[in-house]
């Protein structure tokens, strides 16, 4: 490429290329620093810069907008020989990326409790839910949300802790603000079933594996009311 670079001589052309090369890595590192604040805090500036360099080499920016440059970082951390021995790193990256996706997701009008009450009783069994475009599900072995909140919201640090089993979380945007919270077992089952396009009836059948059948209808209605209140639901599809 030196033949296409203006310069008094080859040495100056190489110097100019090196300036651009450094700027390329530096700018993309800055992008990752913005999107993954908690990850950088956990690794430290030096280790994070090394990660950014390795990730850039493995996944050069392919999209016209650098907003999407970090979308493969969690997967890179989970599969790279240099980082996969520490699964906490991939989980932090996955959680932070989910928050950024929630913020950027398309707007959508959400359902109200009045809309829910207006549904004909006969249509409930075959009905399906359309969730907000920002909603995402994560299963985390570590206390990543606590670590993230300590760094980003409180300017502090927290001690990483790993649970015996992965904990289910949901991430979404309410208004202009990303939200996240953990899920109880029955809510996890119902939410995941409905996200796969199942009907209310199918979701209730799955709930019967966790709670008494006589309580399922009431519990499901309670979950649906909570999702609507939290602006997670944009529509109920009736066949």
Protein backbone atom coordinates (compact mmCIF):
# COMPACT_ATOMS: atom_id res chain seq x y z
CA UNK A 1 0.00 0.00 0.00
CA UNK A 2 3.00 2.33 0.40
CA UNK A 3 2.96 3.04 -3.36
CA UNK A 4 -0.46 4.68 -2.95
CA UNK A 5 0.48 6.81 0.08
CA UNK A 6 1.80 10.33 -0.48
CA UNK A 7 5.21 11.02 1.06
CA UNK A 8 8.64 12.34 0.27
CA UNK A 9 10.01 8.81 0.49
CA UNK A 10 9.09 5.25 1.47
CA UNK A 11 10.04 5.86 5.10
CA UNK A 12 7.61 8.77 5.38
CA UNK A 13 4.87 6.75 3.68
CA UNK A 14 5.34 3.95 6.21
CA UNK A 15 5.22 6.50 9.03
CA UNK A 16 1.93 7.86 7.75
CA UNK A 17 0.50 4.34 7.48
CA UNK A 18 1.59 3.63 11.06
CA UNK A 19 -0.25 6.75 12.24
CA UNK A 20 -3.44 5.52 10.61
CA UNK A 21 -2.92 1.99 11.93
CA UNK A 22 -2.58 3.32 15.47
CA UNK A 23 -5.64 5.55 15.04
CA UNK A 24 -7.66 2.60 13.72
CA UNK A 25 -7.00 0.47 16.81
CA UNK A 26 -7.31 3.43 19.18
CA UNK A 27 -10.70 4.50 17.84
CA UNK A 28 -12.16 1.00 17.94
CA UNK A 29 -10.80 0.51 21.45
CA UNK A 30 -12.60 3.70 22.48
CA UNK A 31 -15.84 2.30 21.07
CA UNK A 32 -15.46 -0.87 23.14
CA UNK A 33 -14.64 1.20 26.23
CA UNK A 34 -17.95 3.03 25.86
CA UNK A 35 -20.00 -0.13 25.33
CA UNK A 36 -18.26 -2.30 27.95
CA UNK A 37 -17.48 -0.11 30.95
CA UNK A 38 -17.89 -2.86 33.54
CA UNK A 39 -15.71 -5.24 31.55
CA UNK A 40 -12.94 -2.68 31.33
CA UNK A 41 -13.22 -2.00 35.05
CA UNK A 42 -12.92 -5.72 35.79
CA UNK A 43 -9.93 -6.25 33.49
CA UNK A 44 -8.12 -2.98 34.02
CA UNK A 45 -7.06 -0.58 31.28
CA UNK A 46 -4.00 -2.53 30.14
CA UNK A 47 -5.70 -5.94 29.88
CA UNK A 48 -8.77 -4.41 28.27
CA UNK A 49 -6.61 -2.69 25.64
CA UNK A 50 -4.95 -6.03 24.87
CA UNK A 51 -8.40 -7.63 24.57
CA UNK A 52 -9.56 -4.85 22.26
CA UNK A 53 -6.52 -5.36 20.04
CA UNK A 54 -7.02 -9.13 19.89
CA UNK A 55 -10.73 -8.74 19.17
CA UNK A 56 -10.09 -6.17 16.43
CA UNK A 57 -7.60 -8.50 14.75
CA UNK A 58 -10.04 -11.40 14.91
CA UNK A 59 -13.16 -9.38 14.00
CA UNK A 60 -12.30 -6.32 11.90
CA UNK A 61 -15.06 -3.74 11.70
CA UNK A 62 -17.40 -4.79 8.87
CA UNK A 63 -20.40 -2.52 9.41
CA UNK A 64 -20.63 1.07 8.14
CA UNK A 65 -21.50 2.12 11.71
CA UNK A 66 -19.03 1.38 14.52
CA UNK A 67 -22.01 1.17 16.85
CA UNK A 68 -22.16 -2.54 15.93
CA UNK A 69 -18.46 -3.26 16.30
CA UNK A 70 -18.80 -4.89 19.74
CA UNK A 71 -21.60 -7.29 18.86
CA UNK A 72 -19.25 -10.29 18.68
CA UNK A 73 -17.21 -9.58 21.80
CA UNK A 74 -19.10 -11.87 24.19
CA UNK A 75 -18.84 -14.76 21.75
CA UNK A 76 -15.14 -14.01 21.22
CA UNK A 77 -14.50 -14.13 24.97
CA UNK A 78 -16.44 -17.39 25.31
CA UNK A 79 -14.52 -19.16 22.53
CA UNK A 80 -11.06 -17.60 22.48
CA UNK A 81 -8.30 -19.76 23.97
CA UNK A 82 -6.92 -16.70 25.76
CA UNK A 83 -10.16 -15.85 27.60
CA UNK A 84 -12.55 -18.80 27.73
CA UNK A 85 -11.02 -20.04 30.99
CA UNK A 86 -12.70 -17.07 32.71
CA UNK A 87 -16.42 -17.33 31.79
CA UNK A 88 -17.22 -14.22 33.85
CA UNK A 89 -15.75 -12.06 31.08
CA UNK A 90 -18.15 -13.34 28.43
CA UNK A 91 -21.12 -12.91 30.77
CA UNK A 92 -20.22 -9.30 31.54
CA UNK A 93 -19.88 -8.57 27.83
CA UNK A 94 -23.18 -10.29 27.04
CA UNK A 95 -25.04 -8.32 29.71
CA UNK A 96 -23.59 -4.96 28.68
CA UNK A 97 -24.33 -5.63 25.02
CA UNK A 98 -27.91 -6.61 25.89
CA UNK A 99 -28.37 -3.27 27.65
CA UNK A 100 -27.07 -1.38 24.63
CA UNK A 101 -29.35 -3.34 22.31
CA UNK A 102 -32.31 -2.60 24.57
CA UNK A 103 -31.52 1.11 24.38
CA UNK A 104 -31.29 1.08 20.59
CA UNK A 105 -34.27 -1.19 19.92
CA UNK A 106 -37.19 0.16 17.85
CA UNK A 107 -40.02 1.96 19.62
CA UNK A 108 -43.33 0.15 19.96
CA UNK A 109 -46.61 1.07 21.62
CA UNK A 110 -47.22 -1.14 24.64
CA UNK A 111 -50.40 -2.80 25.81
CA UNK A 112 -52.41 -1.44 28.75
CA UNK A 113 -54.32 -3.26 31.47
CA UNK A 114 -57.50 -1.94 29.87
CA UNK A 115 -56.52 -3.68 26.63
CA UNK A 116 -55.98 -6.89 28.57
CA UNK A 117 -59.36 -6.61 30.28
CA UNK A 118 -61.07 -6.11 26.92
CA UNK A 119 -59.93 -9.50 25.61
CA UNK A 120 -62.83 -11.94 25.21
CA UNK A 121 -62.46 -14.81 27.65
CA UNK A 122 -62.99 -17.35 24.87
CA UNK A 123 -59.93 -16.08 22.98
CA UNK A 124 -57.44 -16.56 25.82
CA UNK A 125 -56.41 -20.21 25.28
CA UNK A 126 -55.31 -19.66 21.66
CA UNK A 127 -53.83 -16.20 22.18
CA UNK A 128 -50.15 -15.38 21.79
CA UNK A 129 -48.02 -12.52 23.09
CA UNK A 130 -45.99 -10.04 21.09
CA UNK A 131 -43.22 -8.75 23.35
CA UNK A 132 -41.42 -5.42 23.07
CA UNK A 133 -38.59 -5.44 20.47
CA UNK A 134 -36.09 -4.52 23.18
CA UNK A 135 -36.77 -7.60 25.33
CA UNK A 136 -33.94 -10.13 25.70
CA UNK A 137 -33.38 -13.16 27.90
CA UNK A 138 -30.06 -14.01 29.56
CA UNK A 139 -28.95 -16.83 31.83
CA UNK A 140 -26.06 -15.72 34.06
CA UNK A 141 -23.94 -17.85 36.37
CA UNK A 142 -22.33 -14.78 37.96
CA UNK A 143 -23.70 -11.69 39.72
CA UNK A 144 -23.01 -9.62 36.60
CA UNK A 145 -25.85 -7.08 37.08
CA UNK A 146 -24.50 -6.29 40.55
CA UNK A 147 -20.99 -5.83 39.15
CA UNK A 148 -22.29 -3.63 36.36
CA UNK A 149 -24.38 -1.45 38.64
CA UNK A 150 -21.49 -0.95 41.05
CA UNK A 151 -19.21 0.29 38.28
CA UNK A 152 -21.59 2.27 36.09
CA UNK A 153 -24.11 3.63 38.58
CA UNK A 154 -22.13 3.87 41.80
CA UNK A 155 -18.53 4.34 40.67
CA UNK A 156 -17.46 1.46 42.88
CA UNK A 157 -16.58 -2.22 42.56
CA UNK A 158 -18.23 -5.43 43.71
CA UNK A 159 -16.90 -8.91 44.34
CA UNK A 160 -17.72 -11.47 41.62
CA UNK A 161 -19.82 -14.36 42.87
CA UNK A 162 -20.80 -17.51 41.01
CA UNK A 163 -24.04 -19.33 41.70
CA UNK A 164 -24.48 -23.08 41.69
CA UNK A 165 -27.00 -22.74 38.85
CA UNK A 166 -27.47 -20.09 36.16
CA UNK A 167 -29.96 -17.41 37.05
CA UNK A 168 -32.52 -16.21 34.46
CA UNK A 169 -32.71 -12.49 33.66
CA UNK A 170 -34.77 -10.33 31.35
CA UNK A 171 -33.51 -7.08 29.80
CA UNK A 172 -35.74 -4.53 28.10
CA UNK A 173 -36.34 -0.81 27.64
CA UNK A 174 -39.08 1.00 29.47
CA UNK A 175 -39.57 4.49 28.11
CA UNK A 176 -36.04 5.65 27.33
CA UNK A 177 -34.29 3.63 30.02
CA UNK A 178 -33.00 0.03 29.83
CA UNK A 179 -34.22 -2.16 32.68
CA UNK A 180 -33.26 -5.61 33.91
CA UNK A 181 -34.40 -8.02 36.59
CA UNK A 182 -34.17 -11.69 37.53
CA UNK A 183 -36.99 -14.16 36.97
CA UNK A 184 -38.62 -16.63 39.32
CA UNK A 185 -38.81 -20.22 38.07
CA UNK A 186 -42.46 -20.14 36.97
CA UNK A 187 -42.02 -16.78 35.25
CA UNK A 188 -38.97 -18.08 33.42
CA UNK A 189 -40.94 -21.06 32.11
CA UNK A 190 -43.94 -18.98 31.03
CA UNK A 191 -41.85 -16.24 29.42
CA UNK A 192 -39.60 -18.62 27.49
CA UNK A 193 -42.59 -20.67 26.31
CA UNK A 194 -44.39 -17.58 25.03
CA UNK A 195 -41.24 -16.19 23.41
CA UNK A 196 -41.16 -19.33 21.28
CA UNK A 197 -44.58 -18.49 19.88
CA UNK A 198 -46.66 -20.73 22.14
CA UNK A 199 -50.25 -19.98 23.11
CA UNK A 200 -51.53 -19.05 26.55
CA UNK A 201 -52.89 -22.58 26.87
CA UNK A 202 -49.47 -24.11 26.14
CA UNK A 203 -47.80 -21.79 28.64
CA UNK A 204 -50.30 -22.81 31.31
CA UNK A 205 -49.65 -26.46 30.57
CA UNK A 206 -45.94 -25.89 31.14
CA UNK A 207 -46.68 -24.06 34.39
CA UNK A 208 -48.55 -27.13 35.63
CA UNK A 209 -45.15 -28.80 36.00
CA UNK A 210 -44.20 -26.24 38.66
CA UNK A 211 -47.37 -25.24 40.49
CA UNK A 212 -50.74 -26.75 41.33
CA UNK A 213 -53.04 -26.90 38.30
CA UNK A 214 -55.81 -25.09 40.17
CA UNK A 215 -53.51 -22.10 40.67
CA UNK A 216 -52.12 -21.94 37.13
CA UNK A 217 -54.75 -19.66 35.55
CA UNK A 218 -54.50 -17.13 38.37
CA UNK A 219 -50.70 -17.20 38.32
CA UNK A 220 -50.55 -16.79 34.56
CA UNK A 221 -52.94 -13.84 34.65
CA UNK A 222 -50.79 -12.29 37.38
CA UNK A 223 -47.64 -12.71 35.28
CA UNK A 224 -49.33 -11.20 32.24
CA UNK A 225 -50.53 -8.23 34.28
CA UNK A 226 -46.98 -7.68 35.55
CA UNK A 227 -45.48 -7.79 32.05
CA UNK A 228 -48.03 -5.29 30.78
CA UNK A 229 -47.39 -2.96 33.72
CA UNK A 230 -43.66 -3.14 33.03
CA UNK A 231 -44.26 -2.28 29.35
CA UNK A 232 -42.95 -5.59 28.10
CA UNK A 233 -45.98 -6.45 25.96
CA UNK A 234 -46.86 -4.71 22.69
CA UNK A 235 -49.78 -6.87 21.67
CA UNK A 236 -51.82 -10.02 22.17
CA UNK A 237 -52.48 -11.98 19.01
CA UNK A 238 -55.77 -13.86 18.86
CA UNK A 239 -56.31 -16.53 16.17
